[in-house]
Amino acid sequence: MIIDSNYSLTRLFASKEITITIDKLKKFTLKVHSIKDLFQDSDWNIFYHTSIESVEKLQKYFPFGEIETQFDFLKLLMFDFGQFDKYKDIYTIFQNQLQIILPEIKIDIQNKEISVNGITITNEIWEYILYILKLSNGEKVELPPTFTSEEAKKLYLAQKANEEKIRKIRSQVQGDSDGLIKSMLSITYAFPSMTIDYLWEQTMAQILWLRKYAAGAVSYEVNAKAFAAGNVKKGKKLDFFIK
């Protein structure tokens, strides 16, 4: 199975709808969210962070179910345990959020099948959907691999579990509660036509990209003033910050 998409930072500035293609023929639409949604929409926040949670933690939600992947969790919730009172709230959240990010989705409870635009969602497709959602949220992630054997798949999942533990430890140490608004301020300082309201409507991936060029713009401005004042070494060249 070949899974591809038209995801790009450039496209995100024009549309938050991503087209995912299966085997170069079948396709469906995935809608990504802005950073504003993560702060204002508690249901989306729950859906996103639960969907990308480690398998180890997801297993604690369903200790009586067998969970080896995030897709296993999704299927258990939608088809087996979502009807019980204990899981009714999170089931409703997942059902609603799936319909938002995948407008063409169909959830067949009787046959225990999730499809989108006629395409049956498999573990590989679900991993790719999560991959795009993570990318749009500014996370550094690798393209989901394909496996030639069940042993290779289990080894990969074990490695990813360890990496997830390390990532969480780092985030706890390096976390900055004001980091996001600081990034927005640096962007509006460098590019005054962009407002805070505008930035809230963008994805985290876009904010991180703009922050990088905002820093470059400020550095370029400082160096340009130094050049104009003659306070530079002879023969030094002023490089434009966009390359």
C-alpha atoms as a PDB file:
ATOM      1  CA  MET A   1       0.000   0.000   0.000  1.00  0.00           C
ATOM      2  CA  ILE A   2       1.331   3.427  -1.008  1.00  0.00           C
ATOM      3  CA  ILE A   3       0.035   6.309   1.112  1.00  0.00           C
ATOM      4  CA  ASP A   4       0.779   9.910   0.156  1.00  0.00           C
ATOM      5  CA  SER A   5      -0.648  13.403   0.632  1.00  0.00           C
ATOM      6  CA  ASN A   6      -0.398  17.007  -0.574  1.00  0.00           C
ATOM      7  CA  TYR A   7       0.555  18.260   2.900  1.00  0.00           C
ATOM      8  CA  SER A   8       2.932  21.225   2.941  1.00  0.00           C
ATOM      9  CA  LEU A   9       3.452  24.361   5.012  1.00  0.00           C
ATOM     10  CA  THR A  10       2.678  26.462   1.949  1.00  0.00           C
ATOM     11  CA  ARG A  11      -0.673  24.722   1.518  1.00  0.00           C
ATOM     12  CA  LEU A  12      -1.596  25.259   5.182  1.00  0.00           C
ATOM     13  CA  PHE A  13      -1.610  29.017   4.609  1.00  0.00           C
ATOM     14  CA  ALA A  14      -4.205  28.528   1.863  1.00  0.00           C
ATOM     15  CA  SER A  15      -6.288  25.673   3.271  1.00  0.00           C
ATOM     16  CA  LYS A  16      -6.465  23.410   6.291  1.00  0.00           C
ATOM     17  CA  GLU A  17      -7.813  20.552   4.143  1.00  0.00           C
ATOM     18  CA  ILE A  18      -5.274  17.878   3.215  1.00  0.00           C
ATOM     19  CA  THR A  19      -5.856  15.252   0.526  1.00  0.00           C
ATOM     20  CA  ILE A  20      -4.540  11.795   1.377  1.00  0.00           C
ATOM     21  CA  THR A  21      -4.063   9.398  -1.539  1.00  0.00           C
ATOM     22  CA  ILE A  22      -4.036   5.607  -1.356  1.00  0.00           C
ATOM     23  CA  ASP A  23      -2.163   3.705  -4.101  1.00  0.00           C
ATOM     24  CA  LYS A  24      -2.254   6.839  -6.276  1.00  0.00           C
ATOM     25  CA  LEU A  25      -5.948   6.283  -7.064  1.00  0.00           C
ATOM     26  CA  LYS A  26      -8.244   6.499  -4.034  1.00  0.00           C
ATOM     27  CA  LYS A  27      -8.291   9.657  -1.965  1.00  0.00           C
ATOM     28  CA  PHE A  28      -9.997  11.321   0.975  1.00  0.00           C
ATOM     29  CA  THR A  29      -9.895  14.636   2.834  1.00  0.00           C
ATOM     30  CA  LEU A  30      -8.361  15.251   6.253  1.00  0.00           C
ATOM     31  CA  LYS A  31      -9.044  18.560   8.029  1.00  0.00           C
ATOM     32  CA  VAL A  32      -6.335  19.776  10.406  1.00  0.00           C
ATOM     33  CA  HIS A  33      -6.889  22.189  13.283  1.00  0.00           C
ATOM     34  CA  SER A  34      -5.390  25.516  14.305  1.00  0.00           C
ATOM     35  CA  ILE A  35      -3.585  26.146  17.592  1.00  0.00           C
ATOM     36  CA  LYS A  36      -6.639  28.154  18.661  1.00  0.00           C
ATOM     37  CA  ASP A  37      -8.678  24.942  18.573  1.00  0.00           C
ATOM     38  CA  LEU A  38      -6.249  23.222  20.930  1.00  0.00           C
ATOM     39  CA  PHE A  39      -6.806  25.978  23.494  1.00  0.00           C
ATOM     40  CA  GLN A  40     -10.543  26.573  23.025  1.00  0.00           C
ATOM     41  CA  ASP A  41     -11.955  23.205  21.961  1.00  0.00           C
ATOM     42  CA  SER A  42     -11.594  20.787  24.871  1.00  0.00           C
ATOM     43  CA  ASP A  43     -13.102  17.922  22.864  1.00  0.00           C
ATOM     44  CA  TRP A  44     -10.512  18.293  20.104  1.00  0.00           C
ATOM     45  CA  ASN A  45      -7.773  18.517  22.724  1.00  0.00           C
ATOM     46  CA  ILE A  46      -8.942  15.257  24.315  1.00  0.00           C
ATOM     47  CA  PHE A  47      -9.279  13.517  20.960  1.00  0.00           C
ATOM     48  CA  TYR A  48      -5.863  14.588  19.661  1.00  0.00           C
ATOM     49  CA  HIS A  49      -3.815  13.840  22.761  1.00  0.00           C
ATOM     50  CA  THR A  50      -5.595  10.561  23.435  1.00  0.00           C
ATOM     51  CA  SER A  51      -5.145   9.428  19.827  1.00  0.00           C
ATOM     52  CA  ILE A  52      -1.381   9.992  19.897  1.00  0.00           C
ATOM     53  CA  GLU A  53      -0.918   8.657  23.423  1.00  0.00           C
ATOM     54  CA  SER A  54       1.514   5.786  23.978  1.00  0.00           C
ATOM     55  CA  VAL A  55       0.166   2.269  23.621  1.00  0.00           C
ATOM     56  CA  GLU A  56       1.284   1.587  27.180  1.00  0.00           C
ATOM     57  CA  LYS A  57      -1.005   4.275  28.553  1.00  0.00           C
ATOM     58  CA  LEU A  58      -3.874   3.435  26.217  1.00  0.00           C
ATOM     59  CA  GLN A  59      -3.753  -0.127  27.524  1.00  0.00           C
ATOM     60  CA  LYS A  60      -4.552   1.234  30.987  1.00  0.00           C
ATOM     61  CA  TYR A  61      -7.842   2.622  29.644  1.00  0.00           C
ATOM     62  CA  PHE A  62      -8.844  -0.867  28.471  1.00  0.00           C
ATOM     63  CA  PRO A  63      -6.941  -3.335  30.694  1.00  0.00           C
ATOM     64  CA  PHE A  64      -9.248  -6.095  29.486  1.00  0.00           C
ATOM     65  CA  GLY A  65      -8.601  -5.414  25.792  1.00  0.00           C
ATOM     66  CA  GLU A  66      -5.515  -6.165  23.697  1.00  0.00           C
ATOM     67  CA  ILE A  67      -3.917  -2.939  22.460  1.00  0.00           C
ATOM     68  CA  GLU A  68      -0.724  -2.984  20.407  1.00  0.00           C
ATOM     69  CA  THR A  69      -1.355   0.153  18.312  1.00  0.00           C
ATOM     70  CA  GLN A  70      -3.342   3.395  18.514  1.00  0.00           C
ATOM     71  CA  PHE A  71      -5.680   1.912  15.922  1.00  0.00           C
ATOM     72  CA  ASP A  72      -6.454  -1.003  18.250  1.00  0.00           C
ATOM     73  CA  PHE A  73      -7.557   1.540  20.846  1.00  0.00           C
ATOM     74  CA  LEU A  74      -9.753   3.345  18.331  1.00  0.00           C
ATOM     75  CA  LYS A  75     -11.495   0.126  17.282  1.00  0.00           C
ATOM     76  CA  LEU A  76     -12.056  -1.048  20.855  1.00  0.00           C
ATOM     77  CA  LEU A  77     -13.554   2.313  21.777  1.00  0.00           C
ATOM     78  CA  MET A  78     -15.802   2.651  18.732  1.00  0.00           C
ATOM     79  CA  PHE A  79     -16.988  -0.954  18.445  1.00  0.00           C
ATOM     80  CA  ASP A  80     -16.727  -2.680  21.828  1.00  0.00           C
ATOM     81  CA  PHE A  81     -16.663  -0.410  24.862  1.00  0.00           C
ATOM     82  CA  GLY A  82     -18.107   2.884  23.664  1.00  0.00           C
ATOM     83  CA  GLN A  83     -21.633   1.801  24.509  1.00  0.00           C
ATOM     84  CA  PHE A  84     -20.847   1.361  28.205  1.00  0.00           C
ATOM     85  CA  ASP A  85     -21.530   4.291  30.545  1.00  0.00           C
ATOM     86  CA  LYS A  86     -17.912   4.427  31.705  1.00  0.00           C
ATOM     87  CA  TYR A  87     -16.687   5.175  28.166  1.00  0.00           C
ATOM     88  CA  LYS A  88     -19.744   6.959  26.784  1.00  0.00           C
ATOM     89  CA  ASP A  89     -18.293  10.481  27.067  1.00  0.00           C
ATOM     90  CA  ILE A  90     -15.000   9.744  25.339  1.00  0.00           C
ATOM     91  CA  TYR A  91     -16.823   7.624  22.751  1.00  0.00           C
ATOM     92  CA  THR A  92     -19.044  10.601  21.886  1.00  0.00           C
ATOM     93  CA  ILE A  93     -16.033  12.901  21.675  1.00  0.00           C
ATOM     94  CA  PHE A  94     -14.213  10.537  19.302  1.00  0.00           C
ATOM     95  CA  GLN A  95     -17.306   9.999  17.172  1.00  0.00           C
ATOM     96  CA  ASN A  96     -17.865  13.757  16.757  1.00  0.00           C
ATOM     97  CA  GLN A  97     -14.210  14.640  16.190  1.00  0.00           C
ATOM     98  CA  LEU A  98     -13.738  11.907  13.612  1.00  0.00           C
ATOM     99  CA  GLN A  99     -16.620  13.364  11.631  1.00  0.00           C
ATOM    100  CA  ILE A 100     -14.968  16.803  11.773  1.00  0.00           C
ATOM    101  CA  ILE A 101     -11.475  15.805  10.643  1.00  0.00           C
ATOM    102  CA  LEU A 102     -12.745  13.169   8.186  1.00  0.00           C
ATOM    103  CA  PRO A 103     -15.937  14.594   6.624  1.00  0.00           C
ATOM    104  CA  GLU A 104     -16.419  11.507   4.436  1.00  0.00           C
ATOM    105  CA  ILE A 105     -16.155   9.011   7.291  1.00  0.00           C
ATOM    106  CA  LYS A 106     -18.585   6.150   7.884  1.00  0.00           C
ATOM    107  CA  ILE A 107     -18.551   4.094  11.088  1.00  0.00           C
ATOM    108  CA  ASP A 108     -20.195   0.706  10.595  1.00  0.00           C
ATOM    109  CA  ILE A 109     -20.902  -0.615  14.095  1.00  0.00           C
ATOM    110  CA  GLN A 110     -22.441  -3.872  12.890  1.00  0.00           C
ATOM    111  CA  ASN A 111     -19.486  -4.889  10.703  1.00  0.00           C
ATOM    112  CA  LYS A 112     -16.913  -3.139  12.933  1.00  0.00           C
ATOM    113  CA  GLU A 113     -15.465  -1.170  10.044  1.00  0.00           C
ATOM    114  CA  ILE A 114     -14.379   2.452   9.675  1.00  0.00           C
ATOM    115  CA  SER A 115     -14.228   3.793   6.133  1.00  0.00           C
ATOM    116  CA  VAL A 116     -13.731   7.170   4.513  1.00  0.00           C
ATOM    117  CA  ASN A 117     -14.870   7.913   0.989  1.00  0.00           C
ATOM    118  CA  GLY A 118     -15.229   4.167   0.421  1.00  0.00           C
ATOM    119  CA  ILE A 119     -11.718   3.365   1.718  1.00  0.00           C
ATOM    120  CA  THR A 120     -11.504   0.997   4.683  1.00  0.00           C
ATOM    121  CA  ILE A 121      -9.299   2.512   7.364  1.00  0.00           C
ATOM    122  CA  THR A 122      -6.462   0.160   8.305  1.00  0.00           C
ATOM    123  CA  ASN A 123      -3.758   0.483  10.928  1.00  0.00           C
ATOM    124  CA  GLU A 124      -1.369   1.856   8.281  1.00  0.00           C
ATOM    125  CA  ILE A 125      -3.847   4.493   7.106  1.00  0.00           C
ATOM    126  CA  TRP A 126      -4.689   5.522  10.677  1.00  0.00           C
ATOM    127  CA  GLU A 127      -0.980   5.892  11.490  1.00  0.00           C
ATOM    128  CA  TYR A 128      -0.597   8.126   8.441  1.00  0.00           C
ATOM    129  CA  ILE A 129      -3.563  10.259   9.549  1.00  0.00           C
ATOM    130  CA  LEU A 130      -1.953  10.690  12.980  1.00  0.00           C
ATOM    131  CA  TYR A 131       1.340  11.478  11.230  1.00  0.00           C
ATOM    132  CA  ILE A 132      -0.269  14.384   9.349  1.00  0.00           C
ATOM    133  CA  LEU A 133      -2.036  15.634  12.494  1.00  0.00           C
ATOM    134  CA  LYS A 134       1.275  15.621  14.364  1.00  0.00           C
ATOM    135  CA  LEU A 135       3.049  17.418  11.521  1.00  0.00           C
ATOM    136  CA  SER A 136       0.387  20.128  11.484  1.00  0.00           C
ATOM    137  CA  ASN A 137       0.845  20.499  15.228  1.00  0.00           C
ATOM    138  CA  GLY A 138       4.550  21.205  14.778  1.00  0.00           C
ATOM    139  CA  GLU A 139       5.837  17.870  16.052  1.00  0.00           C
ATOM    140  CA  LYS A 140       8.953  16.311  14.555  1.00  0.00           C
ATOM    141  CA  VAL A 141       7.826  12.893  13.394  1.00  0.00           C
ATOM    142  CA  GLU A 142       8.990  10.283  10.929  1.00  0.00           C
ATOM    143  CA  LEU A 143       6.895   8.890   8.120  1.00  0.00           C
ATOM    144  CA  PRO A 144       5.218   5.685   9.393  1.00  0.00           C
ATOM    145  CA  PRO A 145       7.157   2.653   8.074  1.00  0.00           C
ATOM    146  CA  THR A 146       5.829  -0.492   6.453  1.00  0.00           C
ATOM    147  CA  PHE A 147       6.782  -3.894   7.866  1.00  0.00           C
ATOM    148  CA  THR A 148       7.763  -7.154   6.202  1.00  0.00           C
ATOM    149  CA  SER A 149       7.092  -9.217   9.324  1.00  0.00           C
ATOM    150  CA  GLU A 150       5.211  -9.111  12.617  1.00  0.00           C
ATOM    151  CA  GLU A 151       8.532  -9.309  14.515  1.00  0.00           C
ATOM    152  CA  ALA A 152       9.855  -6.189  12.791  1.00  0.00           C
ATOM    153  CA  LYS A 153       6.642  -4.364  13.645  1.00  0.00           C
ATOM    154  CA  LYS A 154       6.856  -5.301  17.346  1.00  0.00           C
ATOM    155  CA  LEU A 155      10.500  -4.178  17.520  1.00  0.00           C
ATOM    156  CA  TYR A 156       9.611  -0.837  15.968  1.00  0.00           C
ATOM    157  CA  LEU A 157       6.712  -0.304  18.390  1.00  0.00           C
ATOM    158  CA  ALA A 158       8.962  -1.073  21.358  1.00  0.00           C
ATOM    159  CA  GLN A 159      11.528   1.459  20.154  1.00  0.00           C
ATOM    160  CA  LYS A 160       8.833   4.099  19.673  1.00  0.00           C
ATOM    161  CA  ALA A 161       7.550   3.490  23.203  1.00  0.00           C
ATOM    162  CA  ASN A 162      11.008   4.211  24.615  1.00  0.00           C
ATOM    163  CA  GLU A 163      11.349   7.336  22.470  1.00  0.00           C
ATOM    164  CA  GLU A 164       7.985   8.570  23.736  1.00  0.00           C
ATOM    165  CA  LYS A 165       9.140   8.244  27.353  1.00  0.00           C
ATOM    166  CA  ILE A 166      12.263  10.283  26.583  1.00  0.00           C
ATOM    167  CA  ARG A 167      10.227  12.947  24.743  1.00  0.00           C
ATOM    168  CA  LYS A 168       7.898  13.425  27.704  1.00  0.00           C
ATOM    169  CA  ILE A 169      10.791  13.804  30.126  1.00  0.00           C
ATOM    170  CA  ARG A 170      12.386  16.454  27.908  1.00  0.00           C
ATOM    171  CA  SER A 171       9.128  18.364  27.495  1.00  0.00           C
ATOM    172  CA  GLN A 172       8.648  18.494  31.264  1.00  0.00           C
ATOM    173  CA  VAL A 173      12.140  19.924  31.751  1.00  0.00           C
ATOM    174  CA  GLN A 174      12.107  22.359  28.842  1.00  0.00           C
ATOM    175  CA  GLY A 175       8.464  23.426  29.042  1.00  0.00           C
ATOM    176  CA  ASP A 176       7.636  27.148  28.955  1.00  0.00           C
ATOM    177  CA  SER A 177       4.020  28.083  29.673  1.00  0.00           C
ATOM    178  CA  ASP A 178       4.490  31.422  27.885  1.00  0.00           C
ATOM    179  CA  GLY A 179       6.474  30.011  24.965  1.00  0.00           C
ATOM    180  CA  LEU A 180       3.627  30.163  22.457  1.00  0.00           C
ATOM    181  CA  ILE A 181       2.665  33.788  23.033  1.00  0.00           C
ATOM    182  CA  LYS A 182       6.355  34.757  23.024  1.00  0.00           C
ATOM    183  CA  SER A 183       6.682  33.134  19.612  1.00  0.00           C
ATOM    184  CA  MET A 184       3.622  35.041  18.368  1.00  0.00           C
ATOM    185  CA  LEU A 185       5.008  38.329  19.645  1.00  0.00           C
ATOM    186  CA  SER A 186       8.323  37.739  17.873  1.00  0.00           C
ATOM    187  CA  ILE A 187       6.431  37.044  14.622  1.00  0.00           C
ATOM    188  CA  THR A 188       4.254  40.168  14.849  1.00  0.00           C
ATOM    189  CA  TYR A 189       7.342  42.237  15.687  1.00  0.00           C
ATOM    190  CA  ALA A 190       9.160  41.019  12.582  1.00  0.00           C
ATOM    191  CA  PHE A 191       6.066  40.960  10.347  1.00  0.00           C
ATOM    192  CA  PRO A 192       3.676  43.702  11.609  1.00  0.00           C
ATOM    193  CA  SER A 193       0.949  42.850   9.064  1.00  0.00           C
ATOM    194  CA  MET A 194       0.401  39.546  10.883  1.00  0.00           C
ATOM    195  CA  THR A 195      -1.813  39.975  13.922  1.00  0.00           C
ATOM    196  CA  ILE A 196      -2.159  37.773  16.994  1.00  0.00           C
ATOM    197  CA  ASP A 197      -5.738  36.980  15.911  1.00  0.00           C
ATOM    198  CA  TYR A 198      -4.453  35.801  12.527  1.00  0.00           C
ATOM    199  CA  LEU A 199      -1.767  33.616  14.105  1.00  0.00           C
ATOM    200  CA  TRP A 200      -4.281  31.887  16.382  1.00  0.00           C
ATOM    201  CA  GLU A 201      -6.027  30.577  13.263  1.00  0.00           C
ATOM    202  CA  GLN A 202      -2.872  28.875  11.989  1.00  0.00           C
ATOM    203  CA  THR A 203      -1.422  25.492  12.878  1.00  0.00           C
ATOM    204  CA  MET A 204       1.498  25.027  15.239  1.00  0.00           C
ATOM    205  CA  ALA A 205       3.659  23.937  12.297  1.00  0.00           C
ATOM    206  CA  GLN A 206       3.069  27.315  10.652  1.00  0.00           C
ATOM    207  CA  ILE A 207       3.873  29.208  13.859  1.00  0.00           C
ATOM    208  CA  LEU A 208       7.185  27.373  14.263  1.00  0.00           C
ATOM    209  CA  TRP A 209       8.065  28.064  10.623  1.00  0.00           C
ATOM    210  CA  LEU A 210       7.201  31.768  10.939  1.00  0.00           C
ATOM    211  CA  ARG A 211       9.142  32.034  14.207  1.00  0.00           C
ATOM    212  CA  LYS A 212      12.290  30.808  12.476  1.00  0.00           C
ATOM    213  CA  TYR A 213      12.022  33.462   9.780  1.00  0.00           C
ATOM    214  CA  ALA A 214      11.019  36.139  12.292  1.00  0.00           C
ATOM    215  CA  ALA A 215      14.306  35.548  14.086  1.00  0.00           C
ATOM    216  CA  GLY A 216      16.110  35.758  10.753  1.00  0.00           C
ATOM    217  CA  ALA A 217      14.313  38.986   9.859  1.00  0.00           C
ATOM    218  CA  VAL A 218      15.295  40.662  13.138  1.00  0.00           C
ATOM    219  CA  SER A 219      18.905  39.545  12.748  1.00  0.00           C
ATOM    220  CA  TYR A 220      18.952  40.822   9.167  1.00  0.00           C
ATOM    221  CA  GLU A 221      17.523  44.187  10.245  1.00  0.00           C
ATOM    222  CA  VAL A 222      20.200  44.602  12.927  1.00  0.00           C
ATOM    223  CA  ASN A 223      22.968  43.719  10.485  1.00  0.00           C
ATOM    224  CA  ALA A 224      21.513  45.988   7.798  1.00  0.00           C
ATOM    225  CA  LYS A 225      21.664  48.958  10.190  1.00  0.00           C
ATOM    226  CA  ALA A 226      25.248  48.047  11.049  1.00  0.00           C
ATOM    227  CA  PHE A 227      26.127  47.999   7.348  1.00  0.00           C
ATOM    228  CA  ALA A 228      24.452  51.355   6.804  1.00  0.00           C
ATOM    229  CA  ALA A 229      26.423  52.852   9.698  1.00  0.00           C
ATOM    230  CA  GLY A 230      29.668  51.373   8.400  1.00  0.00           C
ATOM    231  CA  ASN A 231      30.157  49.268  11.514  1.00  0.00           C
ATOM    232  CA  VAL A 232      31.168  46.086   9.697  1.00  0.00           C
ATOM    233  CA  LYS A 233      34.377  44.422   8.667  1.00  0.00           C
ATOM    234  CA  LYS A 234      35.610  45.228   5.187  1.00  0.00           C
ATOM    235  CA  GLY A 235      34.559  42.666   2.604  1.00  0.00           C
ATOM    236  CA  LYS A 236      31.770  41.189   4.719  1.00  0.00           C
ATOM    237  CA  LYS A 237      28.537  40.427   2.833  1.00  0.00           C
ATOM    238  CA  LEU A 238      24.996  40.945   4.130  1.00  0.00           C
ATOM    239  CA  ASP A 239      23.009  37.767   3.453  1.00  0.00           C
ATOM    240  CA  PHE A 240      19.231  37.962   3.078  1.00  0.00           C
ATOM    241  CA  PHE A 241      17.431  35.982   5.771  1.00  0.00           C
ATOM    242  CA  ILE A 242      15.157  34.067   3.366  1.00  0.00           C
ATOM    243  CA  LYS A 243      17.141  31.365   1.567  1.00  0.00           C
END
